[in-house]
N, C-alpha and C. Protein backbone atom coordinates (compact mmCIF):
# COMPACT_ATOMS: atom_id res chain seq x y z
N MET A 1 -39.70 5.98 41.64
CA MET A 1 -39.62 6.29 40.23
C MET A 1 -41.00 6.73 39.77
N ALA A 2 -41.12 7.91 39.27
CA ALA A 2 -42.41 8.43 38.82
C ALA A 2 -42.68 7.99 37.39
N THR A 3 -43.95 7.65 37.15
CA THR A 3 -44.36 7.29 35.80
C THR A 3 -45.61 8.07 35.47
N SER A 4 -45.84 8.32 34.20
CA SER A 4 -47.04 9.04 33.80
C SER A 4 -48.23 8.10 33.85
N ALA A 5 -49.43 8.65 33.88
CA ALA A 5 -50.64 7.86 33.96
C ALA A 5 -50.82 6.99 32.72
N THR A 6 -50.19 7.38 31.60
CA THR A 6 -50.35 6.62 30.37
C THR A 6 -49.21 5.64 30.12
N ALA A 7 -48.25 5.56 31.04
CA ALA A 7 -47.13 4.64 30.85
C ALA A 7 -47.63 3.20 30.86
N ARG A 8 -47.18 2.43 29.88
CA ARG A 8 -47.54 1.02 29.83
C ARG A 8 -46.47 0.22 30.56
N HIS A 9 -46.88 -0.89 31.10
CA HIS A 9 -46.00 -1.74 31.88
C HIS A 9 -45.44 -2.86 31.01
N LYS A 10 -44.30 -3.37 31.42
CA LYS A 10 -43.67 -4.51 30.75
C LYS A 10 -44.01 -5.77 31.54
N PHE A 11 -44.18 -6.87 30.79
CA PHE A 11 -44.50 -8.16 31.39
C PHE A 11 -43.68 -9.25 30.73
N ILE A 12 -43.30 -10.25 31.52
CA ILE A 12 -42.67 -11.44 30.98
C ILE A 12 -43.73 -12.54 30.97
N VAL A 13 -43.77 -13.27 29.87
CA VAL A 13 -44.71 -14.38 29.74
C VAL A 13 -43.90 -15.66 29.51
N TYR A 14 -44.15 -16.65 30.35
CA TYR A 14 -43.55 -17.97 30.24
C TYR A 14 -44.68 -18.95 29.97
N ALA A 15 -44.68 -19.55 28.79
CA ALA A 15 -45.77 -20.43 28.38
C ALA A 15 -45.22 -21.78 27.91
N PRO A 16 -44.99 -22.70 28.84
CA PRO A 16 -44.46 -24.01 28.45
C PRO A 16 -45.53 -24.83 27.73
N ASP A 17 -45.09 -25.67 26.83
CA ASP A 17 -45.99 -26.56 26.10
C ASP A 17 -46.43 -27.71 26.99
N MET A 18 -47.57 -28.29 26.62
CA MET A 18 -48.00 -29.55 27.22
C MET A 18 -46.94 -30.60 26.85
N THR A 19 -46.88 -31.67 27.62
CA THR A 19 -45.85 -32.68 27.39
C THR A 19 -46.40 -33.99 26.86
N ASP A 20 -47.69 -34.03 26.55
CA ASP A 20 -48.26 -35.27 26.01
C ASP A 20 -47.75 -35.50 24.58
N GLY A 21 -47.92 -36.70 24.09
CA GLY A 21 -47.38 -37.09 22.79
C GLY A 21 -47.93 -36.33 21.60
N ASP A 22 -49.10 -35.72 21.74
CA ASP A 22 -49.71 -35.00 20.62
C ASP A 22 -49.46 -33.49 20.65
N ALA A 23 -48.79 -32.99 21.68
CA ALA A 23 -48.61 -31.54 21.83
C ALA A 23 -47.88 -30.92 20.65
N PHE A 24 -46.83 -31.57 20.18
CA PHE A 24 -46.06 -30.99 19.09
C PHE A 24 -46.90 -30.91 17.82
N GLN A 25 -47.70 -31.92 17.55
CA GLN A 25 -48.56 -31.88 16.37
C GLN A 25 -49.61 -30.78 16.48
N ARG A 26 -50.14 -30.56 17.69
CA ARG A 26 -51.08 -29.45 17.88
C ARG A 26 -50.38 -28.12 17.62
N ARG A 27 -49.14 -28.00 18.08
CA ARG A 27 -48.35 -26.78 17.85
C ARG A 27 -48.21 -26.51 16.36
N LEU A 28 -47.81 -27.54 15.62
CA LEU A 28 -47.62 -27.36 14.18
C LEU A 28 -48.93 -27.03 13.47
N ARG A 29 -50.02 -27.63 13.90
CA ARG A 29 -51.31 -27.43 13.25
C ARG A 29 -51.79 -25.98 13.33
N VAL A 30 -51.53 -25.30 14.45
CA VAL A 30 -52.03 -23.92 14.63
C VAL A 30 -50.90 -22.89 14.60
N ARG A 31 -49.71 -23.33 14.23
CA ARG A 31 -48.54 -22.44 14.28
C ARG A 31 -48.71 -21.18 13.44
N GLN A 32 -49.20 -21.31 12.20
CA GLN A 32 -49.33 -20.13 11.36
C GLN A 32 -50.33 -19.13 11.93
N THR A 33 -51.42 -19.62 12.50
CA THR A 33 -52.40 -18.73 13.16
C THR A 33 -51.74 -17.99 14.31
N HIS A 34 -50.97 -18.73 15.11
CA HIS A 34 -50.25 -18.13 16.24
C HIS A 34 -49.26 -17.07 15.75
N LEU A 35 -48.48 -17.39 14.72
CA LEU A 35 -47.48 -16.45 14.21
C LEU A 35 -48.12 -15.21 13.59
N ASP A 36 -49.23 -15.39 12.87
CA ASP A 36 -49.92 -14.24 12.28
C ASP A 36 -50.41 -13.29 13.37
N ARG A 37 -50.97 -13.85 14.43
CA ARG A 37 -51.45 -13.01 15.53
C ARG A 37 -50.29 -12.34 16.26
N ALA A 38 -49.21 -13.08 16.45
CA ALA A 38 -48.04 -12.50 17.11
C ALA A 38 -47.50 -11.32 16.30
N LYS A 39 -47.47 -11.45 14.98
CA LYS A 39 -47.01 -10.34 14.13
C LYS A 39 -47.90 -9.12 14.31
N GLU A 40 -49.20 -9.35 14.38
CA GLU A 40 -50.13 -8.25 14.61
C GLU A 40 -49.85 -7.55 15.95
N LEU A 41 -49.56 -8.34 16.98
CA LEU A 41 -49.27 -7.77 18.30
C LEU A 41 -47.92 -7.06 18.32
N VAL A 42 -46.97 -7.56 17.54
CA VAL A 42 -45.68 -6.86 17.40
C VAL A 42 -45.93 -5.52 16.70
N ASP A 43 -46.70 -5.53 15.63
CA ASP A 43 -46.99 -4.29 14.89
C ASP A 43 -47.71 -3.26 15.76
N ARG A 44 -48.51 -3.73 16.70
CA ARG A 44 -49.24 -2.84 17.63
C ARG A 44 -48.38 -2.40 18.81
N GLY A 45 -47.17 -2.95 18.92
CA GLY A 45 -46.28 -2.57 20.01
C GLY A 45 -46.54 -3.30 21.31
N VAL A 46 -47.32 -4.37 21.27
CA VAL A 46 -47.62 -5.13 22.49
C VAL A 46 -46.52 -6.15 22.76
N ILE A 47 -46.19 -6.97 21.77
CA ILE A 47 -45.08 -7.91 21.93
C ILE A 47 -43.81 -7.19 21.53
N LYS A 48 -42.87 -7.13 22.46
CA LYS A 48 -41.58 -6.49 22.20
C LYS A 48 -40.53 -7.51 21.78
N VAL A 49 -40.58 -8.70 22.39
CA VAL A 49 -39.66 -9.80 22.09
C VAL A 49 -40.45 -11.08 22.29
N GLY A 50 -40.27 -12.04 21.42
CA GLY A 50 -40.96 -13.31 21.59
C GLY A 50 -40.28 -14.40 20.81
N GLY A 51 -40.50 -15.63 21.24
CA GLY A 51 -39.95 -16.76 20.51
C GLY A 51 -40.24 -18.07 21.20
N ALA A 52 -39.79 -19.13 20.55
CA ALA A 52 -39.96 -20.48 21.08
C ALA A 52 -38.81 -20.83 22.02
N MET A 53 -39.15 -21.51 23.10
CA MET A 53 -38.13 -22.10 23.97
C MET A 53 -37.78 -23.45 23.38
N LEU A 54 -36.48 -23.77 23.41
CA LEU A 54 -35.97 -25.01 22.85
C LEU A 54 -35.34 -25.87 23.92
N THR A 55 -35.24 -27.15 23.65
CA THR A 55 -34.50 -28.03 24.56
C THR A 55 -33.02 -27.70 24.48
N PRO A 56 -32.25 -27.99 25.52
CA PRO A 56 -30.80 -27.77 25.46
C PRO A 56 -30.14 -28.54 24.31
N GLU A 57 -30.66 -29.71 23.99
CA GLU A 57 -30.09 -30.52 22.91
C GLU A 57 -30.25 -29.84 21.55
N SER A 58 -31.16 -28.91 21.45
CA SER A 58 -31.42 -28.21 20.19
C SER A 58 -30.24 -27.38 19.71
N ILE A 59 -29.34 -27.05 20.62
CA ILE A 59 -28.20 -26.20 20.25
C ILE A 59 -26.85 -26.90 20.37
N GLU A 60 -26.89 -28.20 20.57
CA GLU A 60 -25.64 -28.95 20.75
C GLU A 60 -24.80 -29.01 19.48
N SER A 61 -25.44 -28.93 18.33
CA SER A 61 -24.70 -28.92 17.07
C SER A 61 -25.51 -28.13 16.05
N PRO A 62 -24.85 -27.64 15.00
CA PRO A 62 -25.58 -26.87 13.97
C PRO A 62 -26.68 -27.68 13.30
N ASN A 63 -26.55 -29.01 13.26
CA ASN A 63 -27.53 -29.86 12.59
C ASN A 63 -28.56 -30.47 13.54
N ALA A 64 -28.50 -30.12 14.82
CA ALA A 64 -29.42 -30.70 15.79
C ALA A 64 -30.86 -30.28 15.49
N ASP A 65 -31.80 -31.20 15.73
CA ASP A 65 -33.21 -30.87 15.60
C ASP A 65 -33.58 -29.82 16.63
N LYS A 66 -34.35 -28.83 16.21
CA LYS A 66 -34.80 -27.77 17.10
C LYS A 66 -36.14 -28.19 17.70
N LYS A 67 -36.12 -28.68 18.93
CA LYS A 67 -37.34 -29.16 19.58
C LYS A 67 -37.93 -28.03 20.43
N MET A 68 -39.09 -27.55 20.01
CA MET A 68 -39.76 -26.47 20.73
C MET A 68 -40.51 -27.05 21.93
N VAL A 69 -40.38 -26.36 23.06
CA VAL A 69 -41.02 -26.83 24.29
C VAL A 69 -41.85 -25.74 24.97
N GLY A 70 -42.05 -24.63 24.31
CA GLY A 70 -42.84 -23.55 24.89
C GLY A 70 -42.53 -22.23 24.22
N SER A 71 -43.12 -21.19 24.76
CA SER A 71 -42.95 -19.85 24.22
C SER A 71 -42.62 -18.88 25.34
N VAL A 72 -41.95 -17.80 24.97
CA VAL A 72 -41.64 -16.75 25.93
C VAL A 72 -41.82 -15.41 25.23
N PHE A 73 -42.32 -14.42 25.98
CA PHE A 73 -42.55 -13.09 25.44
C PHE A 73 -42.17 -12.03 26.45
N ILE A 74 -41.78 -10.88 25.94
CA ILE A 74 -41.81 -9.65 26.73
C ILE A 74 -42.87 -8.79 26.06
N CYS A 75 -43.87 -8.40 26.84
CA CYS A 75 -44.99 -7.62 26.33
C CYS A 75 -45.05 -6.27 27.03
N GLU A 76 -45.70 -5.33 26.38
CA GLU A 76 -45.95 -4.02 26.97
C GLU A 76 -47.46 -3.80 26.89
N ALA A 77 -48.08 -3.54 28.04
CA ALA A 77 -49.53 -3.38 28.10
C ALA A 77 -49.91 -2.54 29.31
N ASP A 78 -51.18 -2.19 29.38
CA ASP A 78 -51.68 -1.39 30.50
C ASP A 78 -51.79 -2.19 31.78
N SER A 79 -52.07 -3.50 31.67
CA SER A 79 -52.27 -4.29 32.88
C SER A 79 -51.93 -5.76 32.64
N LEU A 80 -51.71 -6.46 33.73
CA LEU A 80 -51.48 -7.89 33.67
C LEU A 80 -52.72 -8.58 33.09
N ALA A 81 -53.89 -8.10 33.46
CA ALA A 81 -55.14 -8.69 32.94
C ALA A 81 -55.21 -8.58 31.42
N ASP A 82 -54.72 -7.47 30.86
CA ASP A 82 -54.70 -7.32 29.40
C ASP A 82 -53.81 -8.36 28.74
N VAL A 83 -52.65 -8.59 29.33
CA VAL A 83 -51.72 -9.59 28.77
C VAL A 83 -52.31 -10.99 28.92
N ARG A 84 -52.90 -11.27 30.08
CA ARG A 84 -53.52 -12.58 30.29
C ARG A 84 -54.61 -12.83 29.25
N LYS A 85 -55.42 -11.82 28.97
CA LYS A 85 -56.49 -11.98 27.97
C LYS A 85 -55.89 -12.28 26.59
N LEU A 86 -54.82 -11.58 26.23
CA LEU A 86 -54.16 -11.85 24.95
C LEU A 86 -53.64 -13.28 24.88
N MET A 87 -53.01 -13.74 25.95
CA MET A 87 -52.46 -15.10 25.96
C MET A 87 -53.57 -16.14 25.93
N GLU A 88 -54.65 -15.90 26.66
CA GLU A 88 -55.74 -16.88 26.74
C GLU A 88 -56.56 -16.94 25.46
N THR A 89 -56.37 -15.98 24.56
CA THR A 89 -57.07 -16.04 23.27
C THR A 89 -56.13 -16.43 22.13
N ASP A 90 -54.89 -16.74 22.44
CA ASP A 90 -53.93 -17.21 21.44
C ASP A 90 -54.26 -18.66 21.06
N ALA A 91 -54.02 -19.01 19.82
CA ALA A 91 -54.29 -20.37 19.33
C ALA A 91 -53.52 -21.42 20.12
N TYR A 92 -52.32 -21.11 20.57
CA TYR A 92 -51.56 -22.09 21.34
C TYR A 92 -52.24 -22.37 22.68
N TYR A 93 -52.91 -21.40 23.23
CA TYR A 93 -53.64 -21.58 24.49
C TYR A 93 -54.96 -22.32 24.23
N THR A 94 -55.74 -21.81 23.27
CA THR A 94 -57.08 -22.36 23.05
C THR A 94 -57.04 -23.76 22.46
N ASP A 95 -55.97 -24.11 21.73
CA ASP A 95 -55.88 -25.44 21.11
C ASP A 95 -55.04 -26.42 21.91
N GLY A 96 -54.71 -26.07 23.15
CA GLY A 96 -54.05 -27.02 24.04
C GLY A 96 -52.59 -27.26 23.77
N VAL A 97 -51.90 -26.29 23.18
CA VAL A 97 -50.46 -26.41 23.00
C VAL A 97 -49.75 -26.03 24.31
N TRP A 98 -50.07 -24.84 24.82
CA TRP A 98 -49.47 -24.40 26.07
C TRP A 98 -50.15 -25.09 27.25
N ASP A 99 -49.36 -25.36 28.27
CA ASP A 99 -49.87 -25.93 29.52
C ASP A 99 -50.50 -24.79 30.33
N ARG A 100 -51.80 -24.71 30.33
CA ARG A 100 -52.52 -23.61 30.98
C ARG A 100 -52.20 -23.50 32.47
N GLU A 101 -51.94 -24.62 33.11
CA GLU A 101 -51.65 -24.63 34.55
C GLU A 101 -50.27 -24.05 34.85
N LYS A 102 -49.39 -24.02 33.86
CA LYS A 102 -48.02 -23.55 34.08
C LYS A 102 -47.74 -22.19 33.46
N LEU A 103 -48.75 -21.58 32.83
CA LEU A 103 -48.58 -20.25 32.25
C LEU A 103 -48.25 -19.25 33.35
N VAL A 104 -47.19 -18.47 33.14
CA VAL A 104 -46.76 -17.46 34.11
C VAL A 104 -46.69 -16.11 33.39
N ILE A 105 -47.33 -15.10 33.98
CA ILE A 105 -47.25 -13.73 33.48
C ILE A 105 -46.93 -12.85 34.67
N LEU A 106 -45.80 -12.15 34.60
CA LEU A 106 -45.37 -11.31 35.71
C LEU A 106 -44.91 -9.95 35.22
N PRO A 107 -45.12 -8.90 36.02
CA PRO A 107 -44.55 -7.59 35.68
C PRO A 107 -43.03 -7.71 35.64
N LEU A 108 -42.42 -6.89 34.79
CA LEU A 108 -40.98 -6.96 34.57
C LEU A 108 -40.38 -5.57 34.69
N ALA A 109 -39.35 -5.46 35.50
CA ALA A 109 -38.60 -4.21 35.62
C ALA A 109 -37.27 -4.39 34.88
N LEU A 110 -37.20 -3.84 33.69
CA LEU A 110 -36.00 -4.01 32.87
C LEU A 110 -34.86 -3.15 33.37
N VAL A 111 -33.66 -3.70 33.31
CA VAL A 111 -32.45 -2.97 33.66
C VAL A 111 -31.74 -2.51 32.38
N THR A 112 -31.93 -3.27 31.32
CA THR A 112 -31.33 -2.95 30.04
C THR A 112 -32.44 -2.58 29.05
N PRO A 113 -32.12 -1.81 28.04
CA PRO A 113 -33.16 -1.45 27.05
C PRO A 113 -33.52 -2.66 26.19
N LEU A 114 -34.73 -2.62 25.68
CA LEU A 114 -35.15 -3.64 24.73
C LEU A 114 -34.46 -3.38 23.40
N PRO A 115 -34.22 -4.45 22.62
CA PRO A 115 -33.58 -4.23 21.31
C PRO A 115 -34.44 -3.39 20.39
């Protein structure tokens, strides 16, 4: 499959939260900073899809508490290093919300179009 020299690549980002007792409070404390930056990256066309991962119990009923346990993104960038730099400068990364040891960023070959 031929691509132009300026074609940007797609990446999947899996960023699970730390599991210590204070992780959720750290998430809430820097959440607005994280969301503001994510909006900027969406506006720039870098983040194509993103959101919080929830526990399975979060969807068991309409009134169930939505327990966030991490984040997931589909990004478009020139390189994996570019995406890694973006993730490593996110408030969730720098403030110890995401588990740095479990962060996964991989190239993605989409079969279906993005929404």
